[in-house]
Amino acid sequence: MSSPTGRRLWPRRRSARWLLGSVAAVVVAAVAVWNLPLAGQWREDRPARTLVIDDPGDGRDWRVLGDGEPRSPSIRGLDQRWGRTWQQGLHSNEGYADQLSVRVDRLESPTWAWLVFRGGGDPAERDSKLYDVAELDPGALAPHADERRFSCARSGVVDGACTRWWVWLRYGQYLVELEAVPVGDPATAAPAWVGTAVAGLDRSLSATGG
């Protein structure tokens, strides 16, 4: 096929196709390299809302205060988000109650989740302007998680005691945030119901495989 000037157009079309093919190959290779280091950590894709526990699981009568997509700080690579908050009934003497909040984020890949986990997504780091935050040894919390952090807000009243607790977990492409605000005086250990809730989340997220 020739143009009105007599020149053939095939080489130009072939060059354009070759260029597009090369660009596509570079993009595919870049995505593969981006995800390759954590490729073995992919978990089964499930809706974030199905991974949030139904209740804290300690046998007490908790009531749901909120359930849905929370208005949390936006993060890059986020695919889905779901959160749930409970309150354990008002305490007549103090006028406030134990409260627990859980959020599950599904990221586009384990690599995105890895970056967010250490790039400012930690709820304890986010609230460090409001509280004196200390990172603690997670111990046996969430044994199926790929990464774990456990922190608390120091009370300033009792040495080593805390008034608020955070758990920050990564399971492949999922991030899990738990925040607990117990009623009562500062304590040097998290309430047992925090560990019970974390164990429930760990069972739920480990069911996605790994």
Protein backbone atom coordinates (compact mmCIF):
# COMPACT_ATOMS: atom_id res chain seq x y z
CA MET A 1 0.00 0.00 0.00
CA SER A 2 1.33 3.42 -0.97
CA SER A 3 0.57 6.99 0.08
CA PRO A 4 -0.37 9.68 -2.51
CA THR A 5 3.33 10.52 -2.62
CA GLY A 6 4.21 6.97 -3.51
CA ARG A 7 5.77 6.03 -0.14
CA ARG A 8 4.82 2.75 1.52
CA LEU A 9 3.10 3.00 4.98
CA TRP A 10 3.73 -0.52 6.28
CA PRO A 11 7.10 0.15 7.94
CA ARG A 12 5.66 3.08 9.92
CA ARG A 13 2.71 1.00 11.12
CA ARG A 14 5.02 -1.85 12.08
CA SER A 15 7.22 0.57 14.02
CA ALA A 16 4.19 1.88 15.94
CA ARG A 17 3.04 -1.65 16.79
CA TRP A 18 6.57 -2.58 17.88
CA LEU A 19 6.77 0.51 20.10
CA LEU A 20 3.40 -0.22 21.73
CA GLY A 21 4.40 -3.83 22.27
CA SER A 22 7.69 -2.77 23.85
CA VAL A 23 5.96 -0.33 26.20
CA ALA A 24 3.46 -3.02 27.24
CA ALA A 25 6.31 -5.47 27.89
CA VAL A 26 8.12 -2.91 30.05
CA VAL A 27 4.95 -2.25 32.06
CA VAL A 28 4.34 -5.97 32.63
CA ALA A 29 7.97 -6.47 33.66
CA ALA A 30 7.82 -3.50 36.05
CA VAL A 31 4.67 -4.85 37.72
CA ALA A 32 6.29 -8.28 38.06
CA VAL A 33 9.46 -6.82 39.60
CA TRP A 34 7.35 -4.63 41.93
CA ASN A 35 5.42 -7.61 43.30
CA LEU A 36 8.07 -10.33 43.05
CA PRO A 37 9.76 -9.91 46.48
CA LEU A 38 6.49 -10.58 48.36
CA ALA A 39 4.83 -12.84 45.78
CA GLY A 40 4.67 -15.71 48.27
CA GLN A 41 2.56 -13.65 50.68
CA TRP A 42 -0.53 -13.24 48.49
CA ARG A 43 -3.69 -14.22 50.37
CA GLU A 44 -7.03 -15.29 48.95
CA ASP A 45 -9.00 -12.20 47.88
CA ARG A 46 -12.10 -11.77 50.04
CA PRO A 47 -14.25 -8.71 50.72
CA ALA A 48 -12.83 -6.74 53.65
CA ARG A 49 -16.20 -6.72 55.41
CA THR A 50 -16.21 -10.53 55.65
CA LEU A 51 -12.91 -10.52 57.54
CA VAL A 52 -13.96 -8.21 60.38
CA ILE A 53 -14.94 -10.23 63.47
CA ASP A 54 -18.62 -10.27 64.49
CA ASP A 55 -17.87 -9.25 68.08
CA PRO A 56 -14.90 -9.09 70.49
CA GLY A 57 -15.64 -12.68 71.51
CA ASP A 58 -15.21 -12.47 75.28
CA GLY A 59 -18.80 -13.40 76.10
CA ARG A 60 -19.87 -9.96 77.27
CA ASP A 61 -22.78 -8.02 75.80
CA TRP A 62 -21.17 -5.70 73.26
CA ARG A 63 -23.25 -3.43 71.06
CA VAL A 64 -22.21 -2.15 67.64
CA LEU A 65 -21.71 1.62 67.43
CA GLY A 66 -20.61 1.75 63.81
CA ASP A 67 -20.27 -0.61 60.87
CA GLY A 68 -19.14 0.33 57.37
CA GLU A 69 -16.40 2.14 55.48
CA PRO A 70 -14.79 4.37 58.11
CA ARG A 71 -13.60 7.86 57.39
CA SER A 72 -9.97 7.04 57.95
CA PRO A 73 -6.89 8.60 56.34
CA SER A 74 -6.67 7.66 52.68
CA ILE A 75 -3.76 5.41 51.75
CA ARG A 76 -2.20 4.61 48.39
CA GLY A 77 -2.94 1.23 46.87
CA LEU A 78 -6.17 0.82 48.87
CA ASP A 79 -8.71 -1.50 47.25
CA GLN A 80 -11.33 -2.08 49.99
CA ARG A 81 -11.88 -1.01 53.59
CA TRP A 82 -14.31 -2.02 56.33
CA GLY A 83 -14.51 -1.10 60.00
CA ARG A 84 -16.60 -1.95 63.04
CA THR A 85 -16.78 -0.35 66.50
CA TRP A 86 -18.30 -1.82 69.65
CA GLN A 87 -19.12 -0.51 73.10
CA GLN A 88 -19.60 -2.68 76.14
CA GLY A 89 -22.58 -0.84 77.65
CA LEU A 90 -22.39 2.24 79.84
CA HIS A 91 -20.89 1.95 83.30
CA SER A 92 -23.28 3.70 85.69
CA ASN A 93 -20.58 5.02 88.00
CA GLU A 94 -18.15 6.40 85.42
CA GLY A 95 -20.56 7.20 82.59
CA TYR A 96 -18.35 5.67 79.92
CA ALA A 97 -17.58 2.20 78.58
CA ASP A 98 -15.01 -0.18 77.17
CA GLN A 99 -14.70 0.47 73.45
CA LEU A 100 -13.10 -1.51 70.64
CA SER A 101 -12.58 -0.53 67.00
CA VAL A 102 -11.38 -2.83 64.21
CA ARG A 103 -10.59 -2.01 60.59
CA VAL A 104 -9.52 -4.28 57.74
CA ASP A 105 -7.97 -2.80 54.59
CA ARG A 106 -7.40 -4.80 51.43
CA LEU A 107 -4.55 -3.38 49.37
CA GLU A 108 -3.82 -3.99 45.71
CA SER A 109 -0.87 -6.25 46.55
CA PRO A 110 1.30 -7.41 49.46
CA THR A 111 3.90 -4.88 48.29
CA TRP A 112 1.50 -1.98 48.77
CA ALA A 113 0.53 -3.32 52.18
CA TRP A 114 4.21 -3.72 53.12
CA LEU A 115 4.88 -0.09 52.23
CA VAL A 116 1.84 1.25 54.08
CA PHE A 117 2.62 -0.89 57.15
CA ARG A 118 5.90 0.97 57.65
CA GLY A 119 5.02 4.21 55.87
CA GLY A 120 2.74 6.06 58.27
CA GLY A 121 -0.28 3.78 58.35
CA ASP A 122 0.37 2.58 61.90
CA PRO A 123 -2.53 3.90 64.04
CA ALA A 124 -0.20 4.41 67.01
CA GLU A 125 2.08 6.62 64.91
CA ARG A 126 -0.95 8.46 63.60
CA ASP A 127 -2.09 9.28 67.13
CA SER A 128 1.36 9.97 68.56
CA LYS A 129 0.67 13.72 68.46
CA LEU A 130 -2.11 13.20 71.00
CA TYR A 131 -0.53 10.56 73.25
CA ASP A 132 2.80 9.43 74.60
CA VAL A 133 3.00 6.25 72.54
CA ALA A 134 5.24 3.31 73.38
CA GLU A 135 5.79 0.28 71.14
CA LEU A 136 5.61 -2.99 73.06
CA ASP A 137 6.65 -6.58 72.44
CA PRO A 138 3.74 -8.26 70.59
CA GLY A 139 4.61 -11.60 72.17
CA ALA A 140 2.31 -14.36 70.90
CA LEU A 141 -0.28 -11.99 69.44
CA ALA A 142 -1.51 -12.91 65.93
CA PRO A 143 0.92 -15.76 65.11
CA HIS A 144 -0.34 -16.03 61.51
CA ALA A 145 0.40 -12.40 60.62
CA ASP A 146 3.30 -11.54 58.31
CA GLU A 147 4.07 -8.44 60.39
CA ARG A 148 2.90 -7.24 63.83
CA ARG A 149 3.09 -4.16 66.01
CA PHE A 150 1.66 -3.64 69.47
CA SER A 151 1.60 -0.20 71.11
CA CYS A 152 -0.05 1.71 73.92
CA ALA A 153 -0.61 5.24 75.20
CA ARG A 154 1.35 5.82 78.40
CA SER A 155 -0.74 7.29 81.18
CA GLY A 156 1.89 9.42 82.87
CA VAL A 157 0.25 8.49 86.18
CA VAL A 158 1.47 4.95 86.83
CA ASP A 159 4.93 3.97 85.60
CA GLY A 160 4.65 1.53 82.69
CA ALA A 161 0.85 1.70 82.62
CA CYS A 162 -1.33 2.50 79.61
CA THR A 163 -4.81 3.83 78.93
CA ARG A 164 -5.21 2.88 75.26
CA TRP A 165 -3.96 -0.01 73.12
CA TRP A 166 -3.24 -0.45 69.41
CA VAL A 167 -2.54 -3.58 67.37
CA TRP A 168 -1.31 -3.20 63.77
CA LEU A 169 -1.07 -6.32 61.60
CA ARG A 170 -0.29 -7.30 58.02
CA TYR A 171 -1.49 -10.48 56.31
CA GLY A 172 -0.21 -10.40 52.73
CA GLN A 173 -2.24 -7.69 51.00
CA TYR A 174 -4.43 -7.06 54.08
CA LEU A 175 -3.82 -4.58 56.88
CA VAL A 176 -5.65 -4.89 60.19
CA GLU A 177 -5.96 -2.12 62.77
CA LEU A 178 -7.34 -2.61 66.28
CA GLU A 179 -7.77 0.13 68.87
CA ALA A 180 -9.00 -0.59 72.41
CA VAL A 181 -10.00 1.96 75.05
CA PRO A 182 -10.76 0.18 78.34
CA VAL A 183 -12.61 1.61 81.29
CA GLY A 184 -10.77 2.00 84.56
CA ASP A 185 -7.36 2.94 85.88
CA PRO A 186 -4.17 2.70 83.79
CA ALA A 187 -2.83 -0.83 83.54
CA THR A 188 0.53 -2.36 82.68
CA ALA A 189 -1.09 -5.08 80.54
CA ALA A 190 -3.85 -4.96 77.94
CA PRO A 191 -7.25 -6.29 79.04
CA ALA A 192 -7.84 -9.97 78.25
CA TRP A 193 -10.60 -9.03 75.79
CA VAL A 194 -8.03 -7.30 73.57
CA GLY A 195 -6.15 -10.59 73.17
CA THR A 196 -9.43 -12.42 72.54
CA ALA A 197 -10.39 -9.99 69.77
CA VAL A 198 -6.93 -10.21 68.17
CA ALA A 199 -7.13 -14.02 68.24
CA GLY A 200 -10.47 -13.85 66.42
CA LEU A 201 -9.02 -11.57 63.76
CA ASP A 202 -6.00 -13.83 63.39
CA ARG A 203 -8.28 -16.84 62.76
CA SER A 204 -10.31 -14.85 60.24
CA LEU A 205 -7.32 -13.57 58.29
CA SER A 206 -5.41 -16.86 58.42
CA ALA A 207 -8.40 -18.46 56.67
CA THR A 208 -7.40 -16.51 53.54
CA GLY A 209 -4.36 -18.77 53.19
CA GLY A 210 -0.77 -17.72 52.93
